[in-house]
């Protein structure tokens, strides 16, 4: 990512101040990440590696005032946000959040909030990662026809990425138990080594919290809440908070809805459950920036990246102009 020039940076800071002046007229931009890779991975091309993430942090640190998610939401509601307010968030709980992302954040004096799906702590693996890693390890002729998932020729990386997209798209909105069961069968078919374990363990979570990073909840099994019975949805929301509180020995105020699309992946009933569980701030994946009119339990977030620093910054500023009010 080409760095910003001095004049370019000053213009973008001025633009950011005009977009988000702080105080009662301020807006909050929230970035969403999942992994930060130690090195580029052709099968995870949308995920930043350490070099790209570091460059993005350099730019964010120059243009924005970075706050932890819960603090930012509280100050948004109180009308006390600084100009150009921004929060950095991570979903799911990958070990590289601690190993790669946290040192890069700390080196720049920046903080972030990490939303953890507690069912995968200590060696678990999310169903989508099972699929991705299975396709990585699969033979060149990967036959899943008997599972209703077709036969895939995998001669190169492009073919493997195409197969991953197809499989994830097919499975994403099936019932959770079926998704997990099918992903495990795909892993068995691929001969996926049992040593693949990408998520944090309890010790790593405590270490992350000990570095001053905020820990938030992201349900237990990362379900689509709209597809669960109310009692099960409540168990997912409340159970994840209780487990994290026990691990880190501190309050857990922030929550992120799995998948996060208002009205599609979660509904108004789940917002009520989040409020009743004691969370004070929650994140969706509606696009844009939050204002004082936004529900603090449905804060929008953006995934913004580009090939140059200038284009990346402009993308962020454009997102900040989109005042989103998420309603489930």
C-alpha atoms as a PDB file:
ATOM      1  CA  UNK A   1       0.000   0.000   0.000  1.00  0.00           C
ATOM      2  CA  UNK A   2       1.596   3.267  -1.124  1.00  0.00           C
ATOM      3  CA  UNK A   3       1.877   5.678   1.854  1.00  0.00           C
ATOM      4  CA  UNK A   4       0.060   9.006   1.933  1.00  0.00           C
ATOM      5  CA  UNK A   5       1.916  12.195   1.091  1.00  0.00           C
ATOM      6  CA  UNK A   6       1.840  15.066   3.571  1.00  0.00           C
ATOM      7  CA  UNK A   7      -0.562  17.258   1.589  1.00  0.00           C
ATOM      8  CA  UNK A   8      -2.794  14.292   0.849  1.00  0.00           C
ATOM      9  CA  UNK A   9      -2.916  13.369   4.535  1.00  0.00           C
ATOM     10  CA  UNK A  10      -3.828  16.917   5.599  1.00  0.00           C
ATOM     11  CA  UNK A  11      -6.649  17.081   3.050  1.00  0.00           C
ATOM     12  CA  UNK A  12      -8.019  13.750   4.202  1.00  0.00           C
ATOM     13  CA  UNK A  13      -7.848  14.788   7.874  1.00  0.00           C
ATOM     14  CA  UNK A  14      -9.765  17.949   6.999  1.00  0.00           C
ATOM     15  CA  UNK A  15     -12.314  15.886   5.070  1.00  0.00           C
ATOM     16  CA  UNK A  16     -12.669  13.530   8.008  1.00  0.00           C
ATOM     17  CA  UNK A  17     -13.267  16.422  10.416  1.00  0.00           C
ATOM     18  CA  UNK A  18     -15.979  17.796   8.125  1.00  0.00           C
ATOM     19  CA  UNK A  19     -17.576  14.343   7.852  1.00  0.00           C
ATOM     20  CA  UNK A  20     -17.360  13.678  11.607  1.00  0.00           C
ATOM     21  CA  UNK A  21     -16.801  16.853  13.642  1.00  0.00           C
ATOM     22  CA  UNK A  22     -17.194  15.149  16.994  1.00  0.00           C
ATOM     23  CA  UNK A  23     -19.461  16.054  19.877  1.00  0.00           C
ATOM     24  CA  UNK A  24     -23.218  15.883  19.421  1.00  0.00           C
ATOM     25  CA  UNK A  25     -22.867  15.974  15.613  1.00  0.00           C
ATOM     26  CA  UNK A  26     -20.195  13.298  15.586  1.00  0.00           C
ATOM     27  CA  UNK A  27     -20.364   9.987  13.761  1.00  0.00           C
ATOM     28  CA  UNK A  28     -18.679   6.690  14.587  1.00  0.00           C
ATOM     29  CA  UNK A  29     -17.028   4.540  11.927  1.00  0.00           C
ATOM     30  CA  UNK A  30     -16.405   0.909  12.959  1.00  0.00           C
ATOM     31  CA  UNK A  31     -14.066  -1.344  10.985  1.00  0.00           C
ATOM     32  CA  UNK A  32     -14.585  -5.098  10.865  1.00  0.00           C
ATOM     33  CA  UNK A  33     -11.812  -7.671  10.479  1.00  0.00           C
ATOM     34  CA  UNK A  34     -11.599 -11.413  11.020  1.00  0.00           C
ATOM     35  CA  UNK A  35      -8.030 -12.623  10.538  1.00  0.00           C
ATOM     36  CA  UNK A  36      -4.661 -10.935  10.108  1.00  0.00           C
ATOM     37  CA  UNK A  37      -2.339 -13.408   8.411  1.00  0.00           C
ATOM     38  CA  UNK A  38       1.366 -13.718   9.108  1.00  0.00           C
ATOM     39  CA  UNK A  39       1.913 -13.973   5.328  1.00  0.00           C
ATOM     40  CA  UNK A  40      -0.328 -13.728   2.247  1.00  0.00           C
ATOM     41  CA  UNK A  41      -2.561 -16.747   1.622  1.00  0.00           C
ATOM     42  CA  UNK A  42      -3.964 -17.242  -1.868  1.00  0.00           C
ATOM     43  CA  UNK A  43      -7.036 -19.037  -0.484  1.00  0.00           C
ATOM     44  CA  UNK A  44      -7.768 -16.174   1.912  1.00  0.00           C
ATOM     45  CA  UNK A  45      -7.177 -13.303  -0.466  1.00  0.00           C
ATOM     46  CA  UNK A  46      -9.672 -10.991   1.252  1.00  0.00           C
ATOM     47  CA  UNK A  47      -7.848 -11.249   4.585  1.00  0.00           C
ATOM     48  CA  UNK A  48      -4.959  -8.807   5.182  1.00  0.00           C
ATOM     49  CA  UNK A  49      -1.482 -10.042   5.944  1.00  0.00           C
ATOM     50  CA  UNK A  50       0.707  -8.371   8.558  1.00  0.00           C
ATOM     51  CA  UNK A  51       2.281  -5.913   6.115  1.00  0.00           C
ATOM     52  CA  UNK A  52      -1.044  -4.731   4.705  1.00  0.00           C
ATOM     53  CA  UNK A  53      -2.691  -4.546   8.113  1.00  0.00           C
ATOM     54  CA  UNK A  54       0.225  -2.547   9.482  1.00  0.00           C
ATOM     55  CA  UNK A  55      -0.076  -0.084   6.593  1.00  0.00           C
ATOM     56  CA  UNK A  56      -3.824   0.241   7.206  1.00  0.00           C
ATOM     57  CA  UNK A  57      -3.189   0.907  10.900  1.00  0.00           C
ATOM     58  CA  UNK A  58      -0.603   3.560  10.039  1.00  0.00           C
ATOM     59  CA  UNK A  59      -3.180   5.327   7.917  1.00  0.00           C
ATOM     60  CA  UNK A  60      -6.005   4.940  10.432  1.00  0.00           C
ATOM     61  CA  UNK A  61      -3.777   6.227  13.218  1.00  0.00           C
ATOM     62  CA  UNK A  62      -2.954   9.359  11.214  1.00  0.00           C
ATOM     63  CA  UNK A  63      -6.511  10.167  10.163  1.00  0.00           C
ATOM     64  CA  UNK A  64      -8.755   8.970  13.010  1.00  0.00           C
ATOM     65  CA  UNK A  65      -9.117   8.939  16.770  1.00  0.00           C
ATOM     66  CA  UNK A  66      -9.342   5.255  17.677  1.00  0.00           C
ATOM     67  CA  UNK A  67     -11.439   4.093  20.628  1.00  0.00           C
ATOM     68  CA  UNK A  68     -12.532   0.729  21.998  1.00  0.00           C
ATOM     69  CA  UNK A  69     -15.962  -0.210  20.662  1.00  0.00           C
ATOM     70  CA  UNK A  70     -17.920   0.015  23.932  1.00  0.00           C
ATOM     71  CA  UNK A  71     -16.327   3.326  24.892  1.00  0.00           C
ATOM     72  CA  UNK A  72     -16.963   4.717  21.418  1.00  0.00           C
ATOM     73  CA  UNK A  73     -20.645   3.736  21.493  1.00  0.00           C
ATOM     74  CA  UNK A  74     -21.105   5.199  24.979  1.00  0.00           C
ATOM     75  CA  UNK A  75     -19.481   8.470  23.931  1.00  0.00           C
ATOM     76  CA  UNK A  76     -21.560   8.547  20.739  1.00  0.00           C
ATOM     77  CA  UNK A  77     -24.715   8.335  22.821  1.00  0.00           C
ATOM     78  CA  UNK A  78     -23.415  10.957  25.253  1.00  0.00           C
ATOM     79  CA  UNK A  79     -22.459  13.361  22.467  1.00  0.00           C
ATOM     80  CA  UNK A  80     -18.791  13.374  23.524  1.00  0.00           C
ATOM     81  CA  UNK A  81     -17.080  11.657  20.595  1.00  0.00           C
ATOM     82  CA  UNK A  82     -13.807  13.174  19.389  1.00  0.00           C
ATOM     83  CA  UNK A  83     -13.643  14.264  15.744  1.00  0.00           C
ATOM     84  CA  UNK A  84     -13.035  11.451  13.244  1.00  0.00           C
ATOM     85  CA  UNK A  85     -13.929   8.728  15.759  1.00  0.00           C
ATOM     86  CA  UNK A  86     -13.241   5.133  14.755  1.00  0.00           C
ATOM     87  CA  UNK A  87     -13.300   1.690  16.384  1.00  0.00           C
ATOM     88  CA  UNK A  88     -11.499  -1.419  15.154  1.00  0.00           C
ATOM     89  CA  UNK A  89     -13.227  -4.773  15.654  1.00  0.00           C
ATOM     90  CA  UNK A  90     -12.463  -8.429  14.967  1.00  0.00           C
ATOM     91  CA  UNK A  91     -14.988 -11.267  14.750  1.00  0.00           C
ATOM     92  CA  UNK A  92     -14.774 -14.949  15.697  1.00  0.00           C
ATOM     93  CA  UNK A  93     -11.598 -15.314  17.787  1.00  0.00           C
ATOM     94  CA  UNK A  94      -8.715 -16.436  15.565  1.00  0.00           C
ATOM     95  CA  UNK A  95      -5.359 -17.064  17.232  1.00  0.00           C
ATOM     96  CA  UNK A  96      -3.682 -14.736  14.739  1.00  0.00           C
ATOM     97  CA  UNK A  97      -5.644 -11.881  16.353  1.00  0.00           C
ATOM     98  CA  UNK A  98      -3.271 -12.251  19.311  1.00  0.00           C
ATOM     99  CA  UNK A  99      -0.185 -13.475  17.497  1.00  0.00           C
ATOM    100  CA  UNK A 100      -0.192 -11.065  14.541  1.00  0.00           C
ATOM    101  CA  UNK A 101      -2.763  -8.280  14.966  1.00  0.00           C
ATOM    102  CA  UNK A 102      -2.304  -7.398  18.647  1.00  0.00           C
ATOM    103  CA  UNK A 103       1.452  -6.623  18.416  1.00  0.00           C
ATOM    104  CA  UNK A 104       0.835  -4.410  15.374  1.00  0.00           C
ATOM    105  CA  UNK A 105      -1.892  -2.545  17.239  1.00  0.00           C
ATOM    106  CA  UNK A 106       0.211  -2.186  20.382  1.00  0.00           C
ATOM    107  CA  UNK A 107       3.217  -0.907  18.444  1.00  0.00           C
ATOM    108  CA  UNK A 108       1.071   2.005  17.256  1.00  0.00           C
ATOM    109  CA  UNK A 109      -0.671   2.643  20.565  1.00  0.00           C
ATOM    110  CA  UNK A 110      -4.038   1.550  19.135  1.00  0.00           C
ATOM    111  CA  UNK A 111      -6.774  -0.545  20.686  1.00  0.00           C
ATOM    112  CA  UNK A 112      -9.377  -2.919  19.242  1.00  0.00           C
ATOM    113  CA  UNK A 113     -12.359  -5.005  20.290  1.00  0.00           C
ATOM    114  CA  UNK A 114     -12.412  -8.771  19.684  1.00  0.00           C
ATOM    115  CA  UNK A 115     -15.778 -10.556  19.432  1.00  0.00           C
ATOM    116  CA  UNK A 116     -15.343 -14.219  20.380  1.00  0.00           C
ATOM    117  CA  UNK A 117     -17.478 -17.230  19.456  1.00  0.00           C
ATOM    118  CA  UNK A 118     -16.901 -19.215  22.623  1.00  0.00           C
ATOM    119  CA  UNK A 119     -17.764 -22.668  21.285  1.00  0.00           C
ATOM    120  CA  UNK A 120     -14.476 -22.788  19.380  1.00  0.00           C
ATOM    121  CA  UNK A 121     -12.109 -21.802  22.202  1.00  0.00           C
ATOM    122  CA  UNK A 122      -9.424 -24.407  22.983  1.00  0.00           C
ATOM    123  CA  UNK A 123      -9.079 -26.264  19.706  1.00  0.00           C
ATOM    124  CA  UNK A 124     -12.448 -25.791  18.001  1.00  0.00           C
ATOM    125  CA  UNK A 125     -12.952 -24.913  14.360  1.00  0.00           C
ATOM    126  CA  UNK A 126     -15.804 -23.043  12.712  1.00  0.00           C
ATOM    127  CA  UNK A 127     -17.684 -24.852   9.974  1.00  0.00           C
ATOM    128  CA  UNK A 128     -16.596 -22.416   7.266  1.00  0.00           C
ATOM    129  CA  UNK A 129     -12.935 -22.894   8.221  1.00  0.00           C
ATOM    130  CA  UNK A 130     -13.439 -26.648   8.061  1.00  0.00           C
ATOM    131  CA  UNK A 131     -14.614 -26.207   4.478  1.00  0.00           C
ATOM    132  CA  UNK A 132     -11.767 -23.845   3.528  1.00  0.00           C
ATOM    133  CA  UNK A 133      -9.048 -26.026   5.020  1.00  0.00           C
ATOM    134  CA  UNK A 134     -10.628 -29.168   3.585  1.00  0.00           C
ATOM    135  CA  UNK A 135     -10.485 -27.737   0.073  1.00  0.00           C
ATOM    136  CA  UNK A 136      -6.886 -26.670   0.726  1.00  0.00           C
ATOM    137  CA  UNK A 137      -5.944 -30.285   1.553  1.00  0.00           C
ATOM    138  CA  UNK A 138      -8.292 -31.996  -0.929  1.00  0.00           C
ATOM    139  CA  UNK A 139      -7.064 -34.039  -3.917  1.00  0.00           C
ATOM    140  CA  UNK A 140      -7.225 -32.551  -7.407  1.00  0.00           C
ATOM    141  CA  UNK A 141     -10.439 -34.509  -8.043  1.00  0.00           C
ATOM    142  CA  UNK A 142     -12.659 -33.832  -5.047  1.00  0.00           C
ATOM    143  CA  UNK A 143     -15.878 -35.792  -5.306  1.00  0.00           C
ATOM    144  CA  UNK A 144     -18.682 -34.666  -2.995  1.00  0.00           C
ATOM    145  CA  UNK A 145     -21.543 -35.698  -5.249  1.00  0.00           C
ATOM    146  CA  UNK A 146     -22.925 -38.193  -2.741  1.00  0.00           C
ATOM    147  CA  UNK A 147     -23.234 -35.303  -0.259  1.00  0.00           C
ATOM    148  CA  UNK A 148     -25.219 -33.292  -2.792  1.00  0.00           C
ATOM    149  CA  UNK A 149     -22.290 -30.899  -3.225  1.00  0.00           C
ATOM    150  CA  UNK A 150     -21.009 -31.827  -6.669  1.00  0.00           C
ATOM    151  CA  UNK A 151     -17.657 -32.942  -8.006  1.00  0.00           C
ATOM    152  CA  UNK A 152     -14.834 -30.392  -8.053  1.00  0.00           C
ATOM    153  CA  UNK A 153     -11.749 -30.354 -10.259  1.00  0.00           C
ATOM    154  CA  UNK A 154      -9.034 -28.568  -8.264  1.00  0.00           C
ATOM    155  CA  UNK A 155      -5.981 -28.159 -10.528  1.00  0.00           C
ATOM    156  CA  UNK A 156      -4.920 -24.774  -9.131  1.00  0.00           C
ATOM    157  CA  UNK A 157      -5.551 -22.084  -6.530  1.00  0.00           C
ATOM    158  CA  UNK A 158      -8.224 -20.349  -8.614  1.00  0.00           C
ATOM    159  CA  UNK A 159     -10.221 -23.589  -8.851  1.00  0.00           C
ATOM    160  CA  UNK A 160      -9.903 -24.161  -5.113  1.00  0.00           C
ATOM    161  CA  UNK A 161     -11.127 -20.638  -4.347  1.00  0.00           C
ATOM    162  CA  UNK A 162     -14.085 -21.177  -6.677  1.00  0.00           C
ATOM    163  CA  UNK A 163     -14.925 -24.455  -4.931  1.00  0.00           C
ATOM    164  CA  UNK A 164     -14.693 -22.792  -1.515  1.00  0.00           C
ATOM    165  CA  UNK A 165     -17.071 -20.017  -2.580  1.00  0.00           C
ATOM    166  CA  UNK A 166     -19.535 -22.528  -4.000  1.00  0.00           C
ATOM    167  CA  UNK A 167     -19.517 -24.766  -0.930  1.00  0.00           C
ATOM    168  CA  UNK A 168     -19.805 -21.908   1.551  1.00  0.00           C
ATOM    169  CA  UNK A 169     -22.628 -20.356  -0.445  1.00  0.00           C
ATOM    170  CA  UNK A 170     -24.516 -23.646  -0.509  1.00  0.00           C
ATOM    171  CA  UNK A 171     -24.136 -24.367   3.207  1.00  0.00           C
ATOM    172  CA  UNK A 172     -24.358 -20.910   4.773  1.00  0.00           C
ATOM    173  CA  UNK A 173     -28.097 -20.779   5.418  1.00  0.00           C
ATOM    174  CA  UNK A 174     -28.710 -24.419   6.227  1.00  0.00           C
ATOM    175  CA  UNK A 175     -29.587 -25.292   9.800  1.00  0.00           C
ATOM    176  CA  UNK A 176     -26.566 -25.001  12.085  1.00  0.00           C
ATOM    177  CA  UNK A 177     -26.401 -28.688  12.983  1.00  0.00           C
ATOM    178  CA  UNK A 178     -26.581 -29.649   9.309  1.00  0.00           C
ATOM    179  CA  UNK A 179     -23.872 -27.135   8.373  1.00  0.00           C
ATOM    180  CA  UNK A 180     -21.520 -28.504  11.019  1.00  0.00           C
ATOM    181  CA  UNK A 181     -22.300 -32.126  10.188  1.00  0.00           C
ATOM    182  CA  UNK A 182     -21.738 -31.584   6.465  1.00  0.00           C
ATOM    183  CA  UNK A 183     -18.535 -29.601   7.014  1.00  0.00           C
ATOM    184  CA  UNK A 184     -17.153 -32.448   9.123  1.00  0.00           C
ATOM    185  CA  UNK A 185     -17.968 -34.955   6.390  1.00  0.00           C
ATOM    186  CA  UNK A 186     -16.195 -32.747   3.853  1.00  0.00           C
ATOM    187  CA  UNK A 187     -13.163 -32.627   6.190  1.00  0.00           C
ATOM    188  CA  UNK A 188     -13.144 -36.414   6.520  1.00  0.00           C
ATOM    189  CA  UNK A 189     -13.371 -36.788   2.754  1.00  0.00           C
ATOM    190  CA  UNK A 190     -10.430 -34.409   2.290  1.00  0.00           C
ATOM    191  CA  UNK A 191      -8.290 -36.077   4.941  1.00  0.00           C
ATOM    192  CA  UNK A 192      -7.933 -32.812   6.866  1.00  0.00           C
ATOM    193  CA  UNK A 193      -5.281 -33.170   9.614  1.00  0.00           C
ATOM    194  CA  UNK A 194      -6.685 -32.941  13.120  1.00  0.00           C
ATOM    195  CA  UNK A 195      -3.831 -30.563  14.059  1.00  0.00           C
ATOM    196  CA  UNK A 196      -5.450 -27.622  12.225  1.00  0.00           C
ATOM    197  CA  UNK A 197      -6.792 -25.402  15.055  1.00  0.00           C
ATOM    198  CA  UNK A 198      -6.991 -21.718  14.120  1.00  0.00           C
ATOM    199  CA  UNK A 199      -8.868 -20.324  17.135  1.00  0.00           C
ATOM    200  CA  UNK A 200      -7.620 -18.870  20.420  1.00  0.00           C
ATOM    201  CA  UNK A 201      -7.499 -20.832  23.658  1.00  0.00           C
ATOM    202  CA  UNK A 202      -8.352 -19.508  27.131  1.00  0.00           C
ATOM    203  CA  UNK A 203      -4.773 -18.521  27.908  1.00  0.00           C
ATOM    204  CA  UNK A 204      -4.538 -16.525  24.691  1.00  0.00           C
ATOM    205  CA  UNK A 205      -7.826 -14.761  25.439  1.00  0.00           C
ATOM    206  CA  UNK A 206      -6.592 -13.738  28.873  1.00  0.00           C
ATOM    207  CA  UNK A 207      -3.366 -12.521  27.298  1.00  0.00           C
ATOM    208  CA  UNK A 208      -5.307 -10.437  24.779  1.00  0.00           C
ATOM    209  CA  UNK A 209      -7.420  -8.894  27.523  1.00  0.00           C
ATOM    210  CA  UNK A 210      -4.289  -8.298  29.584  1.00  0.00           C
ATOM    211  CA  UNK A 211      -2.880  -6.174  26.764  1.00  0.00           C
ATOM    212  CA  UNK A 212      -5.752  -3.752  27.215  1.00  0.00           C
ATOM    213  CA  UNK A 213      -7.859  -5.040  24.322  1.00  0.00           C
ATOM    214  CA  UNK A 214     -11.639  -5.246  24.744  1.00  0.00           C
ATOM    215  CA  UNK A 215     -13.211  -8.711  24.630  1.00  0.00           C
ATOM    216  CA  UNK A 216     -16.791  -8.985  23.360  1.00  0.00           C
ATOM    217  CA  UNK A 217     -19.201 -11.862  22.752  1.00  0.00           C
ATOM    218  CA  UNK A 218     -20.195 -13.359  19.398  1.00  0.00           C
ATOM    219  CA  UNK A 219     -22.503 -16.197  20.511  1.00  0.00           C
ATOM    220  CA  UNK A 220     -21.338 -19.762  21.196  1.00  0.00           C
ATOM    221  CA  UNK A 221     -21.569 -21.616  17.885  1.00  0.00           C
ATOM    222  CA  UNK A 222     -21.821 -18.571  15.555  1.00  0.00           C
ATOM    223  CA  UNK A 223     -25.410 -19.352  14.477  1.00  0.00           C
ATOM    224  CA  UNK A 224     -27.784 -17.370  12.303  1.00  0.00           C
ATOM    225  CA  UNK A 225     -29.970 -16.217  15.189  1.00  0.00           C
ATOM    226  CA  UNK A 226     -33.091 -15.854  13.022  1.00  0.00           C
ATOM    227  CA  UNK A 227     -32.954 -19.604  12.391  1.00  0.00           C
ATOM    228  CA  UNK A 228     -32.975 -20.584  16.061  1.00  0.00           C
ATOM    229  CA  UNK A 229     -35.832 -21.115  18.464  1.00  0.00           C
ATOM    230  CA  UNK A 230     -36.035 -18.221  20.963  1.00  0.00           C
ATOM    231  CA  UNK A 231     -34.735 -20.271  23.901  1.00  0.00           C
ATOM    232  CA  UNK A 232     -31.736 -21.455  21.917  1.00  0.00           C
ATOM    233  CA  UNK A 233     -30.980 -17.949  20.658  1.00  0.00           C
ATOM    234  CA  UNK A 234     -31.061 -16.652  24.223  1.00  0.00           C
ATOM    235  CA  UNK A 235     -28.733 -19.453  25.331  1.00  0.00           C
ATOM    236  CA  UNK A 236     -26.278 -18.533  22.576  1.00  0.00           C
ATOM    237  CA  UNK A 237     -26.279 -14.847  23.533  1.00  0.00           C
ATOM    238  CA  UNK A 238     -26.173 -15.208  27.305  1.00  0.00           C
ATOM    239  CA  UNK A 239     -23.913 -18.264  27.350  1.00  0.00           C
ATOM    240  CA  UNK A 240     -21.158 -16.620  25.347  1.00  0.00           C
ATOM    241  CA  UNK A 241     -21.104 -13.626  27.696  1.00  0.00           C
ATOM    242  CA  UNK A 242     -20.965 -15.815  30.800  1.00  0.00           C
ATOM    243  CA  UNK A 243     -18.115 -17.964  29.423  1.00  0.00           C
ATOM    244  CA  UNK A 244     -16.010 -14.957  28.465  1.00  0.00           C
ATOM    245  CA  UNK A 245     -16.606 -13.265  31.807  1.00  0.00           C
ATOM    246  CA  UNK A 246     -15.379 -16.408  33.560  1.00  0.00           C
ATOM    247  CA  UNK A 247     -12.264 -16.610  31.360  1.00  0.00           C
ATOM    248  CA  UNK A 248     -11.084 -13.003  31.546  1.00  0.00           C
ATOM    249  CA  UNK A 249     -12.470 -12.175  34.993  1.00  0.00           C
ATOM    250  CA  UNK A 250     -13.930  -8.880  33.816  1.00  0.00           C
ATOM    251  CA  UNK A 251     -17.256  -7.494  32.545  1.00  0.00           C
ATOM    252  CA  UNK A 252     -18.212  -8.177  28.924  1.00  0.00           C
ATOM    253  CA  UNK A 253     -20.191  -5.227  27.578  1.00  0.00           C
ATOM    254  CA  UNK A 254     -19.972  -5.639  23.794  1.00  0.00           C
ATOM    255  CA  UNK A 255     -21.687  -8.080  21.441  1.00  0.00           C
ATOM    256  CA  UNK A 256     -21.652  -8.728  17.688  1.00  0.00           C
ATOM    257  CA  UNK A 257     -24.451 -10.522  15.826  1.00  0.00           C
ATOM    258  CA  UNK A 258     -23.130 -13.480  13.790  1.00  0.00           C
ATOM    259  CA  UNK A 259     -23.301 -12.631  10.093  1.00  0.00           C
ATOM    260  CA  UNK A 260     -24.971  -9.452  11.293  1.00  0.00           C
ATOM    261  CA  UNK A 261     -27.463  -8.349   8.640  1.00  0.00           C
ATOM    262  CA  UNK A 262     -30.438  -6.657  10.322  1.00  0.00           C
ATOM    263  CA  UNK A 263     -33.734  -8.393   9.616  1.00  0.00           C
ATOM    264  CA  UNK A 264     -31.982 -11.239   7.792  1.00  0.00           C
ATOM    265  CA  UNK A 265     -29.546 -12.757  10.284  1.00  0.00           C
ATOM    266  CA  UNK A 266     -31.088 -11.358  13.462  1.00  0.00           C
ATOM    267  CA  UNK A 267     -34.365  -9.658  14.369  1.00  0.00           C
ATOM    268  CA  UNK A 268     -35.837  -7.229  16.868  1.00  0.00           C
ATOM    269  CA  UNK A 269     -36.397 -10.087  19.301  1.00  0.00           C
ATOM    270  CA  UNK A 270     -32.646 -10.768  19.367  1.00  0.00           C
ATOM    271  CA  UNK A 271     -31.884  -7.100  20.013  1.00  0.00           C
ATOM    272  CA  UNK A 272     -34.156  -7.369  23.053  1.00  0.00           C
ATOM    273  CA  UNK A 273     -32.302 -10.493  24.200  1.00  0.00           C
ATOM    274  CA  UNK A 274     -28.966  -8.706  23.865  1.00  0.00           C
ATOM    275  CA  UNK A 275     -30.270  -5.798  25.937  1.00  0.00           C
ATOM    276  CA  UNK A 276     -31.726  -8.126  28.573  1.00  0.00           C
ATOM    277  CA  UNK A 277     -28.435 -10.045  28.750  1.00  0.00           C
ATOM    278  CA  UNK A 278     -26.750  -6.851  29.949  1.00  0.00           C
ATOM    279  CA  UNK A 279     -24.797  -5.755  26.884  1.00  0.00           C
ATOM    280  CA  UNK A 280     -24.452  -2.002  26.412  1.00  0.00           C
ATOM    281  CA  UNK A 281     -23.186  -1.988  22.818  1.00  0.00           C
ATOM    282  CA  UNK A 282     -23.670  -4.374  19.903  1.00  0.00           C
ATOM    283  CA  UNK A 283     -22.460  -4.465  16.302  1.00  0.00           C
ATOM    284  CA  UNK A 284     -24.258  -5.415  13.113  1.00  0.00           C
ATOM    285  CA  UNK A 285     -22.878  -5.580   9.577  1.00  0.00           C
ATOM    286  CA  UNK A 286     -25.141  -2.863   8.180  1.00  0.00           C
ATOM    287  CA  UNK A 287     -22.937  -0.562   6.094  1.00  0.00           C
ATOM    288  CA  UNK A 288     -22.086   2.983   7.121  1.00  0.00           C
ATOM    289  CA  UNK A 289     -21.408   5.134  10.168  1.00  0.00           C
ATOM    290  CA  UNK A 290     -23.406   5.399  13.384  1.00  0.00           C
ATOM    291  CA  UNK A 291     -24.846   8.641  14.763  1.00  0.00           C
ATOM    292  CA  UNK A 292     -26.677   9.535  17.965  1.00  0.00           C
ATOM    293  CA  UNK A 293     -29.846   8.404  16.192  1.00  0.00           C
ATOM    294  CA  UNK A 294     -28.429   4.883  15.845  1.00  0.00           C
ATOM    295  CA  UNK A 295     -29.452   2.091  18.194  1.00  0.00           C
ATOM    296  CA  UNK A 296     -26.394   1.375  20.394  1.00  0.00           C
ATOM    297  CA  UNK A 297     -27.303  -2.303  20.092  1.00  0.00           C
ATOM    298  CA  UNK A 298     -27.256  -2.200  16.261  1.00  0.00           C
ATOM    299  CA  UNK A 299     -24.120  -0.257  15.380  1.00  0.00           C
ATOM    300  CA  UNK A 300     -23.138  -0.536  11.688  1.00  0.00           C
ATOM    301  CA  UNK A 301     -19.653  -1.595  10.584  1.00  0.00           C
ATOM    302  CA  UNK A 302     -17.635  -1.496   7.370  1.00  0.00           C
ATOM    303  CA  UNK A 303     -14.980  -3.672   5.754  1.00  0.00           C
ATOM    304  CA  UNK A 304     -12.920  -1.177   3.775  1.00  0.00           C
ATOM    305  CA  UNK A 305      -9.678  -1.858   1.917  1.00  0.00           C
ATOM    306  CA  UNK A 306      -7.993  -0.796  -1.289  1.00  0.00           C
ATOM    307  CA  UNK A 307      -4.690  -1.011  -3.129  1.00  0.00           C
ATOM    308  CA  UNK A 308      -3.319   2.410  -2.165  1.00  0.00           C
ATOM    309  CA  UNK A 309      -3.436   4.401   1.038  1.00  0.00           C
ATOM    310  CA  UNK A 310      -5.240   7.305  -0.600  1.00  0.00           C
ATOM    311  CA  UNK A 311      -7.977   5.135  -2.063  1.00  0.00           C
ATOM    312  CA  UNK A 312      -8.319   3.268   1.232  1.00  0.00           C
ATOM    313  CA  UNK A 313      -8.704   6.553   3.137  1.00  0.00           C
ATOM    314  CA  UNK A 314     -11.257   7.878   0.666  1.00  0.00           C
ATOM    315  CA  UNK A 315     -13.218   4.644   0.962  1.00  0.00           C
ATOM    316  CA  UNK A 316     -13.301   5.099   4.738  1.00  0.00           C
ATOM    317  CA  UNK A 317     -14.416   8.710   4.448  1.00  0.00           C
ATOM    318  CA  UNK A 318     -17.151   7.746   1.987  1.00  0.00           C
ATOM    319  CA  UNK A 319     -18.362   5.105   4.427  1.00  0.00           C
ATOM    320  CA  UNK A 320     -18.398   7.730   7.171  1.00  0.00           C
ATOM    321  CA  UNK A 321     -20.755   9.898   5.105  1.00  0.00           C
ATOM    322  CA  UNK A 322     -23.320   7.076   4.946  1.00  0.00           C
ATOM    323  CA  UNK A 323     -25.253   7.612   8.144  1.00  0.00           C
ATOM    324  CA  UNK A 324     -26.689   4.170   8.759  1.00  0.00           C
ATOM    325  CA  UNK A 325     -29.545   3.431  11.143  1.00  0.00           C
ATOM    326  CA  UNK A 326     -29.832  -0.331  11.379  1.00  0.00           C
ATOM    327  CA  UNK A 327     -33.288  -1.697  12.189  1.00  0.00           C
ATOM    328  CA  UNK A 328     -33.897  -5.385  12.623  1.00  0.00           C
END
